């Protein structure tokens, strides 16, 4: 089961978002590296869902092109 990532967490800097464990930034149990993985809101800003979703929509549209 894949856990959904929250769209706007209250304190994203406190959690590592690199896997489904969502460890505290000071714990990092998965061994994903020495630094935590940032939440997309930290990387792309508060409108990160609009930044990411249009790409998925464009690829879905190109997959449904009618070939005449």
Protein backbone atom coordinates (compact mmCIF):
# COMPACT_ATOMS: atom_id res chain seq x y z
CA UNK A 1 0.00 0.00 0.00
CA UNK A 2 1.36 3.38 -0.99
CA UNK A 3 0.80 6.14 1.52
CA UNK A 4 -0.24 9.49 0.14
CA UNK A 5 1.98 12.46 0.81
CA UNK A 6 0.14 15.37 2.44
CA UNK A 7 -0.25 18.39 0.17
CA UNK A 8 0.60 21.03 2.78
CA UNK A 9 2.14 19.57 5.96
CA UNK A 10 2.45 21.92 8.95
CA UNK A 11 6.20 21.38 9.48
CA UNK A 12 7.69 19.57 6.46
CA UNK A 13 11.22 20.27 7.66
CA UNK A 14 10.75 17.89 10.61
CA UNK A 15 10.22 14.77 8.45
CA UNK A 16 12.23 12.89 5.83
CA UNK A 17 9.96 12.30 2.82
CA UNK A 18 12.27 9.79 1.06
CA UNK A 19 10.23 6.64 1.71
CA UNK A 20 7.01 5.43 3.34
CA UNK A 21 8.55 5.47 6.84
CA UNK A 22 8.33 9.29 7.14
CA UNK A 23 11.07 9.33 9.80
CA UNK A 24 11.92 12.31 11.93
CA UNK A 25 14.65 14.40 10.30
CA UNK A 26 17.02 13.37 13.09
CA UNK A 27 16.31 9.60 12.76
CA UNK A 28 16.63 8.56 9.05
CA UNK A 29 16.09 4.82 9.61
CA UNK A 30 15.87 3.82 5.93
CA UNK A 31 19.52 4.61 5.15
CA UNK A 32 18.45 6.79 2.23
CA UNK A 33 21.47 9.00 2.79
CA UNK A 34 22.94 11.38 5.30
CA UNK A 35 20.38 14.09 4.63
CA UNK A 36 16.62 13.99 4.66
CA UNK A 37 14.56 14.13 1.47
CA UNK A 38 12.62 17.36 1.25
CA UNK A 39 8.87 17.59 0.78
CA UNK A 40 7.89 18.99 -2.67
CA UNK A 41 6.47 22.12 -1.00
CA UNK A 42 10.00 22.91 0.21
CA UNK A 43 11.48 22.44 -3.25
CA UNK A 44 8.76 23.83 -5.57
CA UNK A 45 6.75 26.10 -3.25
CA UNK A 46 3.14 26.06 -2.06
CA UNK A 47 1.74 25.52 -5.57
CA UNK A 48 3.78 22.34 -6.16
CA UNK A 49 0.73 20.30 -7.17
CA UNK A 50 0.05 22.61 -10.14
CA UNK A 51 3.72 22.39 -11.12
CA UNK A 52 3.76 18.57 -11.14
CA UNK A 53 0.27 17.63 -12.39
CA UNK A 54 0.29 19.34 -15.82
CA UNK A 55 3.16 17.04 -16.89
CA UNK A 56 1.06 13.98 -16.08
CA UNK A 57 -1.92 15.47 -17.93
CA UNK A 58 0.20 16.19 -21.03
CA UNK A 59 1.56 12.65 -21.18
CA UNK A 60 -1.95 11.23 -20.79
CA UNK A 61 -3.19 13.40 -23.65
CA UNK A 62 -0.34 12.36 -25.95
CA UNK A 63 -1.09 8.70 -25.23
CA UNK A 64 -4.67 9.15 -26.48
CA UNK A 65 -3.88 10.70 -29.87
CA UNK A 66 -6.04 9.20 -32.61
CA UNK A 67 -4.01 7.83 -35.48
CA UNK A 68 -5.91 8.21 -38.72
